[in-house]
Amino acid sequence: MRALVVVESWFGNTAQIAEAIADGLREAGADVEVTPAASAPREPVADLIVVAAPTHNLGLPSPASRGKAIEGGGSGEDVGIREWLEQATPSAARLTCVDTVVASMFSGSAAKAAQKLAHRRGWHADRGPSFLVGGTKGPLAADALETATALGRSLGS
């Protein structure tokens, strides 16, 4: 199986989740490429694509929320998961959307927003889990990396 993990991360938490998912996929025997959304191929060739994004303002990061992340000390690219999904050519690959989210009463989900956008664009997309972070800058919940690796193994089997 060939897998592509496309990630947008501003404080490193989502990148850690993406790498853990990739590790699990490799354990399951997949050939895996992890790439930032800004440099992800517009015509992906893969059996499985995992998109991973942080939740900003109840959904996918936008130019405005990226500006706020930069003001808060984050760093990332102008092109994220939203833009990649809008520009990439849908394929027959299975697409799974995951996110990181700060636990709160009104946290929303970037994975849910990514799944909806992917469906509108013609992808077959599933919504994966949300991984909890302790605050905007983290840290990840204690079991997040183990859970992400297990998800990768499951997706790769």
C-alpha atoms as a PDB file:
ATOM      1  CA  MET A   1       0.000   0.000   0.000  1.00  0.00           C
ATOM      2  CA  ARG A   2       1.178   3.484  -0.824  1.00  0.00           C
ATOM      3  CA  ALA A   3       0.117   6.172   1.667  1.00  0.00           C
ATOM      4  CA  LEU A   4       0.404   9.944   1.648  1.00  0.00           C
ATOM      5  CA  VAL A   5       0.064  11.924   4.881  1.00  0.00           C
ATOM      6  CA  VAL A   6      -0.631  15.615   4.237  1.00  0.00           C
ATOM      7  CA  VAL A   7      -0.248  17.834   7.295  1.00  0.00           C
ATOM      8  CA  GLU A   8      -0.771  21.412   8.411  1.00  0.00           C
ATOM      9  CA  SER A   9       0.727  22.239  11.793  1.00  0.00           C
ATOM     10  CA  TRP A  10       1.359  25.550  13.565  1.00  0.00           C
ATOM     11  CA  PHE A  11       2.753  24.569  16.959  1.00  0.00           C
ATOM     12  CA  GLY A  12       4.043  21.067  16.158  1.00  0.00           C
ATOM     13  CA  ASN A  13       1.251  19.042  17.750  1.00  0.00           C
ATOM     14  CA  THR A  14      -0.503  18.076  14.519  1.00  0.00           C
ATOM     15  CA  ALA A  15       2.854  17.256  12.917  1.00  0.00           C
ATOM     16  CA  GLN A  16       3.574  14.844  15.784  1.00  0.00           C
ATOM     17  CA  ILE A  17       0.210  13.154  15.221  1.00  0.00           C
ATOM     18  CA  ALA A  18       0.881  12.889  11.470  1.00  0.00           C
ATOM     19  CA  GLU A  19       4.297  11.303  12.093  1.00  0.00           C
ATOM     20  CA  ALA A  20       2.811   8.819  14.581  1.00  0.00           C
ATOM     21  CA  ILE A  21       0.133   7.826  12.052  1.00  0.00           C
ATOM     22  CA  ALA A  22       2.876   7.398   9.440  1.00  0.00           C
ATOM     23  CA  ASP A  23       4.853   5.200  11.871  1.00  0.00           C
ATOM     24  CA  GLY A  24       1.809   2.970  12.348  1.00  0.00           C
ATOM     25  CA  LEU A  25       1.273   2.759   8.595  1.00  0.00           C
ATOM     26  CA  ARG A  26       4.912   1.727   8.148  1.00  0.00           C
ATOM     27  CA  GLU A  27       4.509  -0.927  10.860  1.00  0.00           C
ATOM     28  CA  ALA A  28       1.609  -2.294   8.791  1.00  0.00           C
ATOM     29  CA  GLY A  29       3.895  -2.475   5.745  1.00  0.00           C
ATOM     30  CA  ALA A  30       2.852   0.689   3.887  1.00  0.00           C
ATOM     31  CA  ASP A  31       5.180   2.861   1.838  1.00  0.00           C
ATOM     32  CA  VAL A  32       4.535   6.282   3.414  1.00  0.00           C
ATOM     33  CA  GLU A  33       5.320   9.861   2.470  1.00  0.00           C
ATOM     34  CA  VAL A  34       4.626  12.681   4.964  1.00  0.00           C
ATOM     35  CA  THR A  35       4.453  16.159   3.468  1.00  0.00           C
ATOM     36  CA  PRO A  36       3.276  19.625   4.453  1.00  0.00           C
ATOM     37  CA  ALA A  37       0.117  20.699   2.616  1.00  0.00           C
ATOM     38  CA  ALA A  38       2.035  23.500   0.898  1.00  0.00           C
ATOM     39  CA  SER A  39       4.257  20.998  -0.933  1.00  0.00           C
ATOM     40  CA  ALA A  40       1.815  18.086  -1.289  1.00  0.00           C
ATOM     41  CA  PRO A  41       1.261  16.848  -4.841  1.00  0.00           C
ATOM     42  CA  ARG A  42      -1.784  18.300  -6.593  1.00  0.00           C
ATOM     43  CA  GLU A  43      -2.325  14.946  -8.328  1.00  0.00           C
ATOM     44  CA  PRO A  44      -1.586  12.473  -5.543  1.00  0.00           C
ATOM     45  CA  VAL A  45      -0.773   8.869  -6.381  1.00  0.00           C
ATOM     46  CA  ALA A  46      -1.637   6.790  -3.327  1.00  0.00           C
ATOM     47  CA  ASP A  47      -3.994   4.112  -2.071  1.00  0.00           C
ATOM     48  CA  LEU A  48      -4.595   6.038   1.150  1.00  0.00           C
ATOM     49  CA  ILE A  49      -4.339   9.738   1.924  1.00  0.00           C
ATOM     50  CA  VAL A  50      -4.491  11.029   5.484  1.00  0.00           C
ATOM     51  CA  VAL A  51      -4.987  14.751   5.994  1.00  0.00           C
ATOM     52  CA  ALA A  52      -4.161  16.179   9.413  1.00  0.00           C
ATOM     53  CA  ALA A  53      -4.970  19.733  10.482  1.00  0.00           C
ATOM     54  CA  PRO A  54      -5.306  21.721  13.693  1.00  0.00           C
ATOM     55  CA  THR A  55      -8.768  22.993  14.556  1.00  0.00           C
ATOM     56  CA  HIS A  56      -8.963  26.786  14.264  1.00  0.00           C
ATOM     57  CA  ASN A  57     -12.179  28.687  14.975  1.00  0.00           C
ATOM     58  CA  LEU A  58     -14.280  25.490  15.002  1.00  0.00           C
ATOM     59  CA  GLY A  59     -12.969  24.248  11.629  1.00  0.00           C
ATOM     60  CA  LEU A  60     -10.084  24.229   9.180  1.00  0.00           C
ATOM     61  CA  PRO A  61      -7.423  26.919   9.441  1.00  0.00           C
ATOM     62  CA  SER A  62      -8.041  29.989   7.276  1.00  0.00           C
ATOM     63  CA  PRO A  63      -5.770  32.888   6.336  1.00  0.00           C
ATOM     64  CA  ALA A  64      -7.178  34.893   9.285  1.00  0.00           C
ATOM     65  CA  SER A  65      -6.682  32.093  11.830  1.00  0.00           C
ATOM     66  CA  ARG A  66      -3.180  31.449  10.503  1.00  0.00           C
ATOM     67  CA  GLY A  67      -2.414  35.115  11.173  1.00  0.00           C
ATOM     68  CA  LYS A  68      -3.585  34.671  14.764  1.00  0.00           C
ATOM     69  CA  ALA A  69      -1.389  31.561  15.091  1.00  0.00           C
ATOM     70  CA  ILE A  70       1.626  33.533  13.911  1.00  0.00           C
ATOM     71  CA  GLU A  71       0.822  36.304  16.406  1.00  0.00           C
ATOM     72  CA  GLY A  72       0.734  33.602  19.104  1.00  0.00           C
ATOM     73  CA  GLY A  73       4.186  32.310  18.226  1.00  0.00           C
ATOM     74  CA  GLY A  74       3.252  29.610  15.729  1.00  0.00           C
ATOM     75  CA  SER A  75       4.872  29.026  12.381  1.00  0.00           C
ATOM     76  CA  GLY A  76       3.574  27.418   9.231  1.00  0.00           C
ATOM     77  CA  GLU A  77       2.781  27.902   5.569  1.00  0.00           C
ATOM     78  CA  ASP A  78       0.198  30.042   3.771  1.00  0.00           C
ATOM     79  CA  VAL A  79      -1.185  26.922   2.058  1.00  0.00           C
ATOM     80  CA  GLY A  80      -2.882  24.462   4.373  1.00  0.00           C
ATOM     81  CA  ILE A  81      -5.251  21.525   4.225  1.00  0.00           C
ATOM     82  CA  ARG A  82      -8.175  23.711   3.100  1.00  0.00           C
ATOM     83  CA  GLU A  83      -6.268  25.009   0.077  1.00  0.00           C
ATOM     84  CA  TRP A  84      -4.784  21.616  -0.740  1.00  0.00           C
ATOM     85  CA  LEU A  85      -8.213  19.961  -0.771  1.00  0.00           C
ATOM     86  CA  GLU A  86      -9.557  22.760  -2.969  1.00  0.00           C
ATOM     87  CA  GLN A  87      -6.703  22.397  -5.477  1.00  0.00           C
ATOM     88  CA  ALA A  88      -5.877  18.670  -5.471  1.00  0.00           C
ATOM     89  CA  THR A  89      -7.383  16.417  -8.094  1.00  0.00           C
ATOM     90  CA  PRO A  90      -9.701  13.901  -6.415  1.00  0.00           C
ATOM     91  CA  SER A  91      -8.612  10.312  -6.926  1.00  0.00           C
ATOM     92  CA  ALA A  92      -9.803   6.828  -6.066  1.00  0.00           C
ATOM     93  CA  ALA A  93      -7.629   6.882  -2.946  1.00  0.00           C
ATOM     94  CA  ARG A  94      -9.309   6.439   0.410  1.00  0.00           C
ATOM     95  CA  LEU A  95      -9.008   9.757   2.259  1.00  0.00           C
ATOM     96  CA  THR A  96      -9.114   9.968   6.059  1.00  0.00           C
ATOM     97  CA  CYS A  97      -9.317  13.305   7.888  1.00  0.00           C
ATOM     98  CA  VAL A  98      -7.930  13.766  11.419  1.00  0.00           C
ATOM     99  CA  ASP A  99      -7.330  16.825  13.551  1.00  0.00           C
ATOM    100  CA  THR A 100      -5.987  18.191  16.784  1.00  0.00           C
ATOM    101  CA  VAL A 101      -8.366  20.075  19.002  1.00  0.00           C
ATOM    102  CA  VAL A 102      -8.250  21.911  22.316  1.00  0.00           C
ATOM    103  CA  ALA A 103     -10.860  20.382  24.590  1.00  0.00           C
ATOM    104  CA  SER A 104     -13.608  22.900  25.212  1.00  0.00           C
ATOM    105  CA  MET A 105     -17.342  23.240  25.028  1.00  0.00           C
ATOM    106  CA  PHE A 106     -17.080  24.896  21.609  1.00  0.00           C
ATOM    107  CA  SER A 107     -14.035  23.258  20.014  1.00  0.00           C
ATOM    108  CA  GLY A 108     -15.410  22.245  16.588  1.00  0.00           C
ATOM    109  CA  SER A 109     -13.452  19.952  14.289  1.00  0.00           C
ATOM    110  CA  ALA A 110     -11.058  20.545  11.414  1.00  0.00           C
ATOM    111  CA  ALA A 111     -11.483  16.863  10.496  1.00  0.00           C
ATOM    112  CA  LYS A 112     -15.237  17.289  10.087  1.00  0.00           C
ATOM    113  CA  ALA A 113     -14.735  20.413   7.957  1.00  0.00           C
ATOM    114  CA  ALA A 114     -12.065  18.661   5.854  1.00  0.00           C
ATOM    115  CA  GLN A 115     -14.333  15.664   5.291  1.00  0.00           C
ATOM    116  CA  LYS A 116     -17.191  17.913   4.128  1.00  0.00           C
ATOM    117  CA  LEU A 117     -14.898  19.859   1.790  1.00  0.00           C
ATOM    118  CA  ALA A 118     -13.384  16.643   0.426  1.00  0.00           C
ATOM    119  CA  HIS A 119     -16.855  15.215  -0.280  1.00  0.00           C
ATOM    120  CA  ARG A 120     -17.868  18.397  -2.106  1.00  0.00           C
ATOM    121  CA  ARG A 121     -14.727  18.113  -4.213  1.00  0.00           C
ATOM    122  CA  GLY A 122     -15.443  14.473  -5.173  1.00  0.00           C
ATOM    123  CA  TRP A 123     -13.269  12.500  -2.756  1.00  0.00           C
ATOM    124  CA  HIS A 124     -14.426   9.453  -0.823  1.00  0.00           C
ATOM    125  CA  ALA A 125     -13.508  10.741   2.639  1.00  0.00           C
ATOM    126  CA  ASP A 126     -13.855   9.356   6.133  1.00  0.00           C
ATOM    127  CA  ARG A 127     -13.587  11.270   9.353  1.00  0.00           C
ATOM    128  CA  GLY A 128     -10.976   9.937  11.728  1.00  0.00           C
ATOM    129  CA  PRO A 129     -10.476  10.866  15.356  1.00  0.00           C
ATOM    130  CA  SER A 130      -9.695  14.197  16.935  1.00  0.00           C
ATOM    131  CA  PHE A 131      -6.556  14.244  19.083  1.00  0.00           C
ATOM    132  CA  LEU A 132      -6.670  16.398  22.201  1.00  0.00           C
ATOM    133  CA  VAL A 133      -4.121  19.060  23.043  1.00  0.00           C
ATOM    134  CA  GLY A 134      -3.896  20.817  26.386  1.00  0.00           C
ATOM    135  CA  GLY A 135      -3.958  24.313  24.888  1.00  0.00           C
ATOM    136  CA  THR A 136      -3.177  26.179  21.695  1.00  0.00           C
ATOM    137  CA  LYS A 137       0.502  25.330  21.990  1.00  0.00           C
ATOM    138  CA  GLY A 138      -0.055  21.875  23.517  1.00  0.00           C
ATOM    139  CA  PRO A 139       0.964  19.532  24.890  1.00  0.00           C
ATOM    140  CA  LEU A 140      -0.765  16.555  23.340  1.00  0.00           C
ATOM    141  CA  ALA A 141      -2.893  14.364  25.605  1.00  0.00           C
ATOM    142  CA  ALA A 142      -0.871  11.578  27.224  1.00  0.00           C
ATOM    143  CA  ASP A 143      -2.199   8.805  24.980  1.00  0.00           C
ATOM    144  CA  ALA A 144      -2.413  10.784  21.713  1.00  0.00           C
ATOM    145  CA  LEU A 145       0.736   9.461  20.040  1.00  0.00           C
ATOM    146  CA  GLU A 146      -0.024   5.836  20.943  1.00  0.00           C
ATOM    147  CA  THR A 147      -3.573   6.262  19.634  1.00  0.00           C
ATOM    148  CA  ALA A 148      -2.290   7.858  16.411  1.00  0.00           C
ATOM    149  CA  THR A 149       0.191   5.030  15.833  1.00  0.00           C
ATOM    150  CA  ALA A 150      -2.572   2.463  16.407  1.00  0.00           C
ATOM    151  CA  LEU A 151      -4.767   4.353  13.922  1.00  0.00           C
ATOM    152  CA  GLY A 152      -1.969   4.153  11.349  1.00  0.00           C
ATOM    153  CA  ARG A 153      -1.629   0.397  11.878  1.00  0.00           C
ATOM    154  CA  SER A 154      -5.385  -0.003  11.491  1.00  0.00           C
ATOM    155  CA  LEU A 155      -5.540   2.116   8.321  1.00  0.00           C
ATOM    156  CA  GLY A 156      -2.635   0.135   6.882  1.00  0.00           C
ATOM    157  CA  SER A 157      -4.122  -3.284   7.461  1.00  0.00           C
END
